[in-house]
PDB file of all heavy atoms in Angstrom:
ATOM      1  N   SER A   1       7.456  -5.910  26.234  1.00  0.00           N
ATOM      2  CA  SER A   1       6.521  -5.819  27.355  1.00  0.00           C
ATOM      3  C   SER A   1       5.092  -5.719  26.819  1.00  0.00           C
ATOM      4  O   SER A   1       4.870  -5.416  25.639  1.00  0.00           O
ATOM      5  CB  SER A   1       6.838  -4.588  28.205  1.00  0.00           C
ATOM      6  OG  SER A   1       6.562  -3.393  27.481  1.00  0.00           O
ATOM      7  N   VAL A   2       4.137  -5.965  27.705  1.00  0.00           N
ATOM      8  CA  VAL A   2       2.729  -5.873  27.307  1.00  0.00           C
ATOM      9  C   VAL A   2       2.402  -4.453  26.847  1.00  0.00           C
ATOM     10  O   VAL A   2       1.679  -4.252  25.856  1.00  0.00           O
ATOM     11  CB  VAL A   2       1.816  -6.288  28.476  1.00  0.00           C
ATOM     12  CG1 VAL A   2       0.351  -6.052  28.130  1.00  0.00           C
ATOM     13  CG2 VAL A   2       2.043  -7.760  28.820  1.00  0.00           C
ATOM     14  N   ALA A   3       2.945  -3.442  27.545  1.00  0.00           N
ATOM     15  CA  ALA A   3       2.687  -2.047  27.164  1.00  0.00           C
ATOM     16  C   ALA A   3       3.256  -1.750  25.784  1.00  0.00           C
ATOM     17  O   ALA A   3       2.619  -1.068  24.969  1.00  0.00           O
ATOM     18  CB  ALA A   3       3.299  -1.102  28.196  1.00  0.00           C
ATOM     19  N   GLN A   4       4.447  -2.259  25.484  1.00  0.00           N
ATOM     20  CA  GLN A   4       5.043  -2.044  24.164  1.00  0.00           C
ATOM     21  C   GLN A   4       4.219  -2.720  23.068  1.00  0.00           C
ATOM     22  O   GLN A   4       4.020  -2.145  21.986  1.00  0.00           O
ATOM     23  CB  GLN A   4       6.473  -2.578  24.150  1.00  0.00           C
ATOM     24  CG  GLN A   4       7.473  -1.729  24.904  1.00  0.00           C
ATOM     25  CD  GLN A   4       8.850  -2.359  24.929  1.00  0.00           C
ATOM     26  OE1 GLN A   4       9.005  -3.574  25.073  1.00  0.00           O
ATOM     27  NE2 GLN A   4       9.880  -1.527  24.793  1.00  0.00           N
ATOM     28  N   VAL A   5       3.737  -3.915  23.348  1.00  0.00           N
ATOM     29  CA  VAL A   5       2.922  -4.624  22.365  1.00  0.00           C
ATOM     30  C   VAL A   5       1.632  -3.850  22.087  1.00  0.00           C
ATOM     31  O   VAL A   5       1.242  -3.655  20.922  1.00  0.00           O
ATOM     32  CB  VAL A   5       2.599  -6.045  22.850  1.00  0.00           C
ATOM     33  CG1 VAL A   5       1.572  -6.712  21.937  1.00  0.00           C
ATOM     34  CG2 VAL A   5       3.865  -6.878  22.899  1.00  0.00           C
ATOM     35  N   GLY A   6       0.978  -3.380  23.142  1.00  0.00           N
ATOM     36  CA  GLY A   6      -0.254  -2.623  22.954  1.00  0.00           C
ATOM     37  C   GLY A   6      -0.029  -1.350  22.161  1.00  0.00           C
ATOM     38  O   GLY A   6      -0.806  -1.018  21.259  1.00  0.00           O
ATOM     39  N   LEU A   7       1.045  -0.630  22.488  1.00  0.00           N
ATOM     40  CA  LEU A   7       1.345   0.612  21.774  1.00  0.00           C
ATOM     41  C   LEU A   7       1.686   0.336  20.314  1.00  0.00           C
ATOM     42  O   LEU A   7       1.195   1.022  19.399  1.00  0.00           O
ATOM     43  CB  LEU A   7       2.509   1.329  22.458  1.00  0.00           C
ATOM     44  CG  LEU A   7       2.983   2.642  21.800  1.00  0.00           C
ATOM     45  CD1 LEU A   7       1.859   3.659  21.753  1.00  0.00           C
ATOM     46  CD2 LEU A   7       4.192   3.203  22.549  1.00  0.00           C
ATOM     47  N   GLY A   8       2.509  -0.671  20.066  1.00  0.00           N
ATOM     48  CA  GLY A   8       2.894  -0.993  18.692  1.00  0.00           C
ATOM     49  C   GLY A   8       1.715  -1.426  17.843  1.00  0.00           C
ATOM     50  O   GLY A   8       1.587  -1.011  16.686  1.00  0.00           O
ATOM     51  N   LEU A   9       0.846  -2.257  18.405  1.00  0.00           N
ATOM     52  CA  LEU A   9      -0.326  -2.698  17.660  1.00  0.00           C
ATOM     53  C   LEU A   9      -1.277  -1.534  17.385  1.00  0.00           C
ATOM     54  O   LEU A   9      -1.906  -1.469  16.321  1.00  0.00           O
ATOM     55  CB  LEU A   9      -1.055  -3.801  18.425  1.00  0.00           C
ATOM     56  CG  LEU A   9      -0.307  -5.133  18.555  1.00  0.00           C
ATOM     57  CD1 LEU A   9      -1.113  -6.120  19.383  1.00  0.00           C
ATOM     58  CD2 LEU A   9      -0.004  -5.726  17.176  1.00  0.00           C
ATOM     59  N   GLY A  10      -1.386  -0.612  18.348  1.00  0.00           N
ATOM     60  CA  GLY A  10      -2.226   0.568  18.127  1.00  0.00           C
ATOM     61  C   GLY A  10      -1.705   1.445  17.001  1.00  0.00           C
ATOM     62  O   GLY A  10      -2.463   1.900  16.137  1.00  0.00           O
ATOM     63  N   ILE A  11      -0.389   1.674  16.991  1.00  0.00           N
ATOM     64  CA  ILE A  11       0.223   2.468  15.918  1.00  0.00           C
ATOM     65  C   ILE A  11       0.032   1.761  14.572  1.00  0.00           C
ATOM     66  O   ILE A  11      -0.344   2.384  13.567  1.00  0.00           O
ATOM     67  CB  ILE A  11       1.722   2.695  16.202  1.00  0.00           C
ATOM     68  CG1 ILE A  11       1.905   3.567  17.446  1.00  0.00           C
ATOM     69  CG2 ILE A  11       2.397   3.345  14.992  1.00  0.00           C
ATOM     70  CD1 ILE A  11       3.351   3.693  17.892  1.00  0.00           C
ATOM     71  N   GLY A  12       0.277   0.462  14.553  1.00  0.00           N
ATOM     72  CA  GLY A  12       0.112  -0.288  13.311  1.00  0.00           C
ATOM     73  C   GLY A  12      -1.313  -0.260  12.800  1.00  0.00           C
ATOM     74  O   GLY A  12      -1.550  -0.139  11.593  1.00  0.00           O
ATOM     75  N   GLY A  13      -2.268  -0.381  13.722  1.00  0.00           N
ATOM     76  CA  GLY A  13      -3.670  -0.336  13.316  1.00  0.00           C
ATOM     77  C   GLY A  13      -4.057   0.984  12.681  1.00  0.00           C
ATOM     78  O   GLY A  13      -4.770   1.028  11.672  1.00  0.00           O
ATOM     79  N   LEU A  14      -3.577   2.083  13.266  1.00  0.00           N
ATOM     80  CA  LEU A  14      -3.878   3.408  12.711  1.00  0.00           C
ATOM     81  C   LEU A  14      -3.209   3.603  11.351  1.00  0.00           C
ATOM     82  O   LEU A  14      -3.830   4.113  10.405  1.00  0.00           O
ATOM     83  CB  LEU A  14      -3.429   4.498  13.683  1.00  0.00           C
ATOM     84  CG  LEU A  14      -4.258   4.649  14.961  1.00  0.00           C
ATOM     85  CD1 LEU A  14      -3.606   5.642  15.903  1.00  0.00           C
ATOM     86  CD2 LEU A  14      -5.683   5.083  14.634  1.00  0.00           C
ATOM     87  N   VAL A  15      -1.956   3.193  11.227  1.00  0.00           N
ATOM     88  CA  VAL A  15      -1.246   3.344   9.951  1.00  0.00           C
ATOM     89  C   VAL A  15      -1.900   2.477   8.873  1.00  0.00           C
ATOM     90  O   VAL A  15      -2.023   2.890   7.706  1.00  0.00           O
ATOM     91  CB  VAL A  15       0.243   2.976  10.120  1.00  0.00           C
ATOM     92  CG1 VAL A  15       0.943   2.913   8.766  1.00  0.00           C
ATOM     93  CG2 VAL A  15       0.935   3.993  11.015  1.00  0.00           C
ATOM     94  N   GLY A  16      -2.346   1.296   9.253  1.00  0.00           N
ATOM     95  CA  GLY A  16      -2.953   0.396   8.285  1.00  0.00           C
ATOM     96  C   GLY A  16      -4.199   0.945   7.626  1.00  0.00           C
ATOM     97  O   GLY A  16      -4.529   0.578   6.494  1.00  0.00           O
ATOM     98  N   LEU A  17      -4.875   1.869   8.304  1.00  0.00           N
ATOM     99  CA  LEU A  17      -6.098   2.448   7.743  1.00  0.00           C
ATOM    100  C   LEU A  17      -5.814   3.271   6.486  1.00  0.00           C
ATOM    101  O   LEU A  17      -6.728   3.541   5.704  1.00  0.00           O
ATOM    102  CB  LEU A  17      -6.778   3.334   8.791  1.00  0.00           C
ATOM    103  CG  LEU A  17      -7.264   2.637  10.062  1.00  0.00           C
ATOM    104  CD1 LEU A  17      -7.833   3.664  11.034  1.00  0.00           C
ATOM    105  CD2 LEU A  17      -8.312   1.594   9.727  1.00  0.00           C
ATOM    106  N   LEU A  18      -4.562   3.677   6.276  1.00  0.00           N
ATOM    107  CA  LEU A  18      -4.241   4.585   5.178  1.00  0.00           C
ATOM    108  C   LEU A  18      -4.259   3.916   3.812  1.00  0.00           C
ATOM    109  O   LEU A  18      -4.367   4.603   2.795  1.00  0.00           O
ATOM    110  CB  LEU A  18      -2.855   5.213   5.409  1.00  0.00           C
ATOM    111  CG  LEU A  18      -2.659   5.992   6.715  1.00  0.00           C
ATOM    112  CD1 LEU A  18      -1.216   6.445   6.836  1.00  0.00           C
ATOM    113  CD2 LEU A  18      -3.607   7.177   6.769  1.00  0.00           C
ATOM    114  N   SER A  19      -4.151   2.601   3.757  1.00  0.00           N
ATOM    115  CA  SER A  19      -3.956   1.943   2.459  1.00  0.00           C
ATOM    116  C   SER A  19      -5.238   1.472   1.799  1.00  0.00           C
ATOM    117  O   SER A  19      -5.258   1.251   0.582  1.00  0.00           O
ATOM    118  CB  SER A  19      -3.007   0.747   2.626  1.00  0.00           C
ATOM    119  OG  SER A  19      -3.616  -0.256   3.415  1.00  0.00           O
ATOM    120  N   GLY A  20      -6.293   1.283   2.556  1.00  0.00           N
ATOM    121  CA  GLY A  20      -7.487   0.645   2.010  1.00  0.00           C
ATOM    122  C   GLY A  20      -8.107   1.382   0.834  1.00  0.00           C
ATOM    123  O   GLY A  20      -8.384   0.798  -0.218  1.00  0.00           O
ATOM    124  N   ILE A  21      -8.329   2.692   0.985  1.00  0.00           N
ATOM    125  CA  ILE A  21      -9.047   3.450  -0.048  1.00  0.00           C
ATOM    126  C   ILE A  21      -8.235   3.561  -1.336  1.00  0.00           C
ATOM    127  O   ILE A  21      -8.754   3.255  -2.423  1.00  0.00           O
ATOM    128  CB  ILE A  21      -9.456   4.828   0.492  1.00  0.00           C
ATOM    129  CG1 ILE A  21     -10.392   4.658   1.700  1.00  0.00           C
ATOM    130  CG2 ILE A  21     -10.135   5.660  -0.591  1.00  0.00           C
ATOM    131  CD1 ILE A  21     -10.729   5.955   2.403  1.00  0.00           C
ATOM    132  N   PRO A  22      -6.958   3.998  -1.302  1.00  0.00           N
ATOM    133  CA  PRO A  22      -6.214   4.082  -2.565  1.00  0.00           C
ATOM    134  C   PRO A  22      -6.000   2.731  -3.236  1.00  0.00           C
ATOM    135  O   PRO A  22      -6.071   2.622  -4.461  1.00  0.00           O
ATOM    136  CB  PRO A  22      -4.884   4.729  -2.163  1.00  0.00           C
ATOM    137  CG  PRO A  22      -4.778   4.546  -0.693  1.00  0.00           C
ATOM    138  CD  PRO A  22      -6.176   4.537  -0.179  1.00  0.00           C
ATOM    139  N   VAL A  23      -5.741   1.673  -2.452  1.00  0.00           N
ATOM    140  CA  VAL A  23      -5.552   0.352  -3.059  1.00  0.00           C
ATOM    141  C   VAL A  23      -6.871  -0.172  -3.611  1.00  0.00           C
ATOM    142  O   VAL A  23      -6.909  -0.823  -4.666  1.00  0.00           O
ATOM    143  CB  VAL A  23      -4.943  -0.631  -2.044  1.00  0.00           C
ATOM    144  CG1 VAL A  23      -4.908  -2.046  -2.611  1.00  0.00           C
ATOM    145  CG2 VAL A  23      -3.537  -0.194  -1.678  1.00  0.00           C
ATOM    146  N   GLY A  24      -7.972   0.127  -2.932  1.00  0.00           N
ATOM    147  CA  GLY A  24      -9.283  -0.254  -3.455  1.00  0.00           C
ATOM    148  C   GLY A  24      -9.563   0.398  -4.803  1.00  0.00           C
ATOM    149  O   GLY A  24     -10.072  -0.233  -5.734  1.00  0.00           O
ATOM    150  N   ARG A  25      -9.209   1.674  -4.918  1.00  0.00           N
ATOM    151  CA  ARG A  25      -9.394   2.364  -6.200  1.00  0.00           C
ATOM    152  C   ARG A  25      -8.486   1.747  -7.271  1.00  0.00           C
ATOM    153  O   ARG A  25      -8.886   1.601  -8.439  1.00  0.00           O
ATOM    154  CB  ARG A  25      -9.088   3.851  -6.058  1.00  0.00           C
ATOM    155  CG  ARG A  25      -9.386   4.642  -7.321  1.00  0.00           C
ATOM    156  CD  ARG A  25      -9.160   6.130  -7.141  1.00  0.00           C
ATOM    157  NE  ARG A  25      -9.555   6.830  -8.352  1.00  0.00           N
ATOM    158  CZ  ARG A  25      -8.790   6.947  -9.433  1.00  0.00           C
ATOM    159  NH1 ARG A  25      -7.583   6.422  -9.429  1.00  0.00           N
ATOM    160  NH2 ARG A  25      -9.227   7.591 -10.509  1.00  0.00           N
ATOM    161  N   LEU A  26      -7.269   1.367  -6.885  1.00  0.00           N
ATOM    162  CA  LEU A  26      -6.368   0.708  -7.827  1.00  0.00           C
ATOM    163  C   LEU A  26      -6.964  -0.610  -8.315  1.00  0.00           C
ATOM    164  O   LEU A  26      -6.854  -0.951  -9.504  1.00  0.00           O
ATOM    165  CB  LEU A  26      -5.013   0.467  -7.157  1.00  0.00           C
ATOM    166  CG  LEU A  26      -3.921  -0.164  -8.022  1.00  0.00           C
ATOM    167  CD1 LEU A  26      -3.533   0.766  -9.159  1.00  0.00           C
ATOM    168  CD2 LEU A  26      -2.703  -0.513  -7.167  1.00  0.00           C
ATOM    169  N   ALA A  27      -7.610  -1.348  -7.418  1.00  0.00           N
ATOM    170  CA  ALA A  27      -8.254  -2.604  -7.814  1.00  0.00           C
ATOM    171  C   ALA A  27      -9.400  -2.353  -8.789  1.00  0.00           C
ATOM    172  O   ALA A  27      -9.616  -3.157  -9.712  1.00  0.00           O
ATOM    173  CB  ALA A  27      -8.768  -3.330  -6.565  1.00  0.00           C
ATOM    174  N   ASP A  28     -10.128  -1.268  -8.597  1.00  0.00           N
ATOM    175  CA  ASP A  28     -11.203  -0.926  -9.535  1.00  0.00           C
ATOM    176  C   ASP A  28     -10.674  -0.652 -10.934  1.00  0.00           C
ATOM    177  O   ASP A  28     -11.303  -0.990 -11.938  1.00  0.00           O
ATOM    178  CB  ASP A  28     -11.962   0.316  -9.042  1.00  0.00           C
ATOM    179  CG  ASP A  28     -12.764   0.049  -7.783  1.00  0.00           C
ATOM    180  OD1 ASP A  28     -13.258  -1.082  -7.629  1.00  0.00           O
ATOM    181  OD2 ASP A  28     -12.897   0.973  -6.958  1.00  0.00           O
ATOM    182  N   ARG A  29      -9.510  -0.036 -11.011  1.00  0.00           N
ATOM    183  CA  ARG A  29      -8.980   0.398 -12.303  1.00  0.00           C
ATOM    184  C   ARG A  29      -8.043  -0.624 -12.946  1.00  0.00           C
ATOM    185  O   ARG A  29      -7.878  -0.627 -14.166  1.00  0.00           O
ATOM    186  CB  ARG A  29      -8.239   1.737 -12.143  1.00  0.00           C
ATOM    187  CG  ARG A  29      -9.109   2.828 -11.537  1.00  0.00           C
ATOM    188  CD  ARG A  29     -10.000   3.539 -12.554  1.00  0.00           C
ATOM    189  NE  ARG A  29     -10.818   2.707 -13.400  1.00  0.00           N
ATOM    190  CZ  ARG A  29     -12.039   2.266 -13.074  1.00  0.00           C
ATOM    191  NH1 ARG A  29     -12.563   2.569 -11.913  1.00  0.00           N
ATOM    192  NH2 ARG A  29     -12.738   1.531 -13.917  1.00  0.00           N
ATOM    193  N   ARG A  30      -7.390  -1.480 -12.157  1.00  0.00           N
ATOM    194  CA  ARG A  30      -6.418  -2.429 -12.701  1.00  0.00           C
ATOM    195  C   ARG A  30      -6.879  -3.879 -12.639  1.00  0.00           C
ATOM    196  O   ARG A  30      -6.197  -4.754 -13.173  1.00  0.00           O
ATOM    197  CB  ARG A  30      -5.080  -2.307 -11.959  1.00  0.00           C
ATOM    198  CG  ARG A  30      -4.453  -0.925 -12.014  1.00  0.00           C
ATOM    199  CD  ARG A  30      -4.145  -0.530 -13.431  1.00  0.00           C
ATOM    200  NE  ARG A  30      -3.503   0.777 -13.496  1.00  0.00           N
ATOM    201  CZ  ARG A  30      -3.309   1.463 -14.616  1.00  0.00           C
ATOM    202  NH1 ARG A  30      -3.726   0.962 -15.758  1.00  0.00           N
ATOM    203  NH2 ARG A  30      -2.723   2.633 -14.584  1.00  0.00           N
ATOM    204  N   GLY A  31      -7.987  -4.132 -11.988  1.00  0.00           N
ATOM    205  CA  GLY A  31      -8.469  -5.497 -11.858  1.00  0.00           C
ATOM    206  C   GLY A  31      -8.266  -6.013 -10.443  1.00  0.00           C
ATOM    207  O   GLY A  31      -7.133  -6.021  -9.950  1.00  0.00           O
ATOM    208  N   PRO A  32      -9.330  -6.459  -9.764  1.00  0.00           N
ATOM    209  CA  PRO A  32      -9.215  -6.865  -8.357  1.00  0.00           C
ATOM    210  C   PRO A  32      -8.382  -8.117  -8.136  1.00  0.00           C
ATOM    211  O   PRO A  32      -7.680  -8.228  -7.134  1.00  0.00           O
ATOM    212  CB  PRO A  32     -10.667  -7.072  -7.929  1.00  0.00           C
ATOM    213  CG  PRO A  32     -11.412  -7.310  -9.196  1.00  0.00           C
ATOM    214  CD  PRO A  32     -10.717  -6.513 -10.244  1.00  0.00           C
ATOM    215  N   ARG A  33      -8.450  -9.084  -9.061  1.00  0.00           N
ATOM    216  CA  ARG A  33      -7.681 -10.311  -8.840  1.00  0.00           C
ATOM    217  C   ARG A  33      -6.190 -10.022  -8.791  1.00  0.00           C
ATOM    218  O   ARG A  33      -5.474 -10.506  -7.900  1.00  0.00           O
ATOM    219  CB  ARG A  33      -7.963 -11.320  -9.956  1.00  0.00           C
ATOM    220  CG  ARG A  33      -7.303 -12.678  -9.708  1.00  0.00           C
ATOM    221  CD  ARG A  33      -7.228 -13.514 -10.963  1.00  0.00           C
ATOM    222  NE  ARG A  33      -6.320 -12.927 -11.956  1.00  0.00           N
ATOM    223  CZ  ARG A  33      -5.989 -13.525 -13.102  1.00  0.00           C
ATOM    224  NH1 ARG A  33      -6.521 -14.697 -13.408  1.00  0.00           N
ATOM    225  NH2 ARG A  33      -5.164 -12.941 -13.946  1.00  0.00           N
ATOM    226  N   GLU A  34      -5.711  -9.219  -9.726  1.00  0.00           N
ATOM    227  CA  GLU A  34      -4.288  -8.934  -9.810  1.00  0.00           C
ATOM    228  C   GLU A  34      -3.803  -8.151  -8.589  1.00  0.00           C
ATOM    229  O   GLU A  34      -2.750  -8.448  -8.019  1.00  0.00           O
ATOM    230  CB  GLU A  34      -3.998  -8.149 -11.093  1.00  0.00           C
ATOM    231  CG  GLU A  34      -4.170  -8.956 -12.377  1.00  0.00           C
ATOM    232  CD  GLU A  34      -5.623  -9.198 -12.758  1.00  0.00           C
ATOM    233  OE1 GLU A  34      -6.507  -8.525 -12.184  1.00  0.00           O
ATOM    234  OE2 GLU A  34      -5.880 -10.053 -13.619  1.00  0.00           O
ATOM    235  N   VAL A  35      -4.585  -7.153  -8.182  1.00  0.00           N
ATOM    236  CA  VAL A  35      -4.178  -6.338  -7.030  1.00  0.00           C
ATOM    237  C   VAL A  35      -4.275  -7.151  -5.741  1.00  0.00           C
ATOM    238  O   VAL A  35      -3.397  -7.064  -4.867  1.00  0.00           O
ATOM    239  CB  VAL A  35      -5.039  -5.060  -6.955  1.00  0.00           C
ATOM    240  CG1 VAL A  35      -4.701  -4.252  -5.700  1.00  0.00           C
ATOM    241  CG2 VAL A  35      -4.826  -4.200  -8.202  1.00  0.00           C
ATOM    242  N   TYR A  36      -5.314  -7.955  -5.604  1.00  0.00           N
ATOM    243  CA  TYR A  36      -5.474  -8.793  -4.412  1.00  0.00           C
ATOM    244  C   TYR A  36      -4.308  -9.772  -4.281  1.00  0.00           C
ATOM    245  O   TYR A  36      -3.748  -9.968  -3.198  1.00  0.00           O
ATOM    246  CB  TYR A  36      -6.796  -9.539  -4.487  1.00  0.00           C
ATOM    247  CG  TYR A  36      -7.108 -10.406  -3.291  1.00  0.00           C
ATOM    248  CD1 TYR A  36      -6.867  -9.965  -1.992  1.00  0.00           C
ATOM    249  CD2 TYR A  36      -7.651 -11.674  -3.457  1.00  0.00           C
ATOM    250  CE1 TYR A  36      -7.158 -10.764  -0.896  1.00  0.00           C
ATOM    251  CE2 TYR A  36      -7.944 -12.481  -2.371  1.00  0.00           C
ATOM    252  CZ  TYR A  36      -7.692 -12.029  -1.099  1.00  0.00           C
ATOM    253  OH  TYR A  36      -7.980 -12.827  -0.017  1.00  0.00           O
ATOM    254  N   ARG A  37      -3.927 -10.381  -5.393  1.00  0.00           N
ATOM    255  CA  ARG A  37      -2.811 -11.323  -5.362  1.00  0.00           C
ATOM    256  C   ARG A  37      -1.518 -10.620  -4.935  1.00  0.00           C
ATOM    257  O   ARG A  37      -0.736 -11.164  -4.149  1.00  0.00           O
ATOM    258  CB  ARG A  37      -2.656 -11.949  -6.747  1.00  0.00           C
ATOM    259  CG  ARG A  37      -1.572 -13.013  -6.848  1.00  0.00           C
ATOM    260  CD  ARG A  37      -1.633 -13.678  -8.212  1.00  0.00           C
ATOM    261  NE  ARG A  37      -1.567 -12.679  -9.286  1.00  0.00           N
ATOM    262  CZ  ARG A  37      -1.867 -12.961 -10.553  1.00  0.00           C
ATOM    263  NH1 ARG A  37      -2.254 -14.168 -10.893  1.00  0.00           N
ATOM    264  NH2 ARG A  37      -1.774 -12.007 -11.472  1.00  0.00           N
ATOM    265  N   LEU A  38      -1.308  -9.417  -5.427  1.00  0.00           N
ATOM    266  CA  LEU A  38      -0.112  -8.665  -5.055  1.00  0.00           C
ATOM    267  C   LEU A  38      -0.105  -8.341  -3.564  1.00  0.00           C
ATOM    268  O   LEU A  38       0.932  -8.462  -2.894  1.00  0.00           O
ATOM    269  CB  LEU A  38      -0.033  -7.382  -5.882  1.00  0.00           C
ATOM    270  CG  LEU A  38       1.145  -6.440  -5.570  1.00  0.00           C
ATOM    271  CD1 LEU A  38       2.469  -7.141  -5.809  1.00  0.00           C
ATOM    272  CD2 LEU A  38       1.039  -5.166  -6.401  1.00  0.00           C
ATOM    273  N   THR A  39      -1.249  -7.944  -3.016  1.00  0.00           N
ATOM    274  CA  THR A  39      -1.304  -7.625  -1.583  1.00  0.00           C
ATOM    275  C   THR A  39      -1.028  -8.867  -0.731  1.00  0.00           C
ATOM    276  O   THR A  39      -0.430  -8.759   0.347  1.00  0.00           O
ATOM    277  CB  THR A  39      -2.661  -7.031  -1.196  1.00  0.00           C
ATOM    278  OG1 THR A  39      -3.712  -7.992  -1.438  1.00  0.00           O
ATOM    279  CG2 THR A  39      -2.956  -5.758  -1.983  1.00  0.00           C
ATOM    280  N   LEU A  40      -1.439 -10.027  -1.193  1.00  0.00           N
ATOM    281  CA  LEU A  40      -1.167 -11.256  -0.454  1.00  0.00           C
ATOM    282  C   LEU A  40       0.328 -11.555  -0.416  1.00  0.00           C
ATOM    283  O   LEU A  40       0.857 -11.999   0.610  1.00  0.00           O
ATOM    284  CB  LEU A  40      -1.927 -12.430  -1.086  1.00  0.00           C
ATOM    285  CG  LEU A  40      -3.444 -12.421  -0.893  1.00  0.00           C
ATOM    286  CD1 LEU A  40      -4.099 -13.442  -1.811  1.00  0.00           C
ATOM    287  CD2 LEU A  40      -3.819 -12.693   0.557  1.00  0.00           C
ATOM    288  N   ILE A  41       1.014 -11.316  -1.525  1.00  0.00           N
ATOM    289  CA  ILE A  41       2.458 -11.521  -1.553  1.00  0.00           C
ATOM    290  C   ILE A  41       3.148 -10.549  -0.593  1.00  0.00           C
ATOM    291  O   ILE A  41       4.089 -10.924   0.130  1.00  0.00           O
ATOM    292  CB  ILE A  41       2.998 -11.356  -2.982  1.00  0.00           C
ATOM    293  CG1 ILE A  41       2.391 -12.423  -3.912  1.00  0.00           C
ATOM    294  CG2 ILE A  41       4.510 -11.440  -2.997  1.00  0.00           C
ATOM    295  CD1 ILE A  41       2.686 -13.837  -3.491  1.00  0.00           C
ATOM    296  N   VAL A  42       2.678  -9.308  -0.572  1.00  0.00           N
ATOM    297  CA  VAL A  42       3.253  -8.327   0.358  1.00  0.00           C
ATOM    298  C   VAL A  42       2.989  -8.758   1.800  1.00  0.00           C
ATOM    299  O   VAL A  42       3.862  -8.633   2.678  1.00  0.00           O
ATOM    300  CB  VAL A  42       2.685  -6.924   0.078  1.00  0.00           C
ATOM    301  CG1 VAL A  42       3.182  -5.926   1.123  1.00  0.00           C
ATOM    302  CG2 VAL A  42       3.074  -6.460  -1.323  1.00  0.00           C
ATOM    303  N   GLN A  43       1.791  -9.262   2.077  1.00  0.00           N
ATOM    304  CA  GLN A  43       1.486  -9.757   3.423  1.00  0.00           C
ATOM    305  C   GLN A  43       2.421 -10.893   3.811  1.00  0.00           C
ATOM    306  O   GLN A  43       2.889 -10.967   4.954  1.00  0.00           O
ATOM    307  CB  GLN A  43       0.031 -10.240   3.488  1.00  0.00           C
ATOM    308  CG  GLN A  43      -0.994  -9.135   3.675  1.00  0.00           C
ATOM    309  CD  GLN A  43      -2.388  -9.695   3.872  1.00  0.00           C
ATOM    310  OE1 GLN A  43      -3.015 -10.175   2.938  1.00  0.00           O
ATOM    311  NE2 GLN A  43      -2.867  -9.640   5.093  1.00  0.00           N
TER     312      GLN A  43
END
């Protein structure tokens, strides 16, 4: 339903905020190309 889609996307959006900072720091320390490529495969 439209309500389920809105709720699910809202939950996903909030959860997605948790990964940016730690993965960004990992890219600083391990190399951005390698980490970026890995995130694309996960996507």
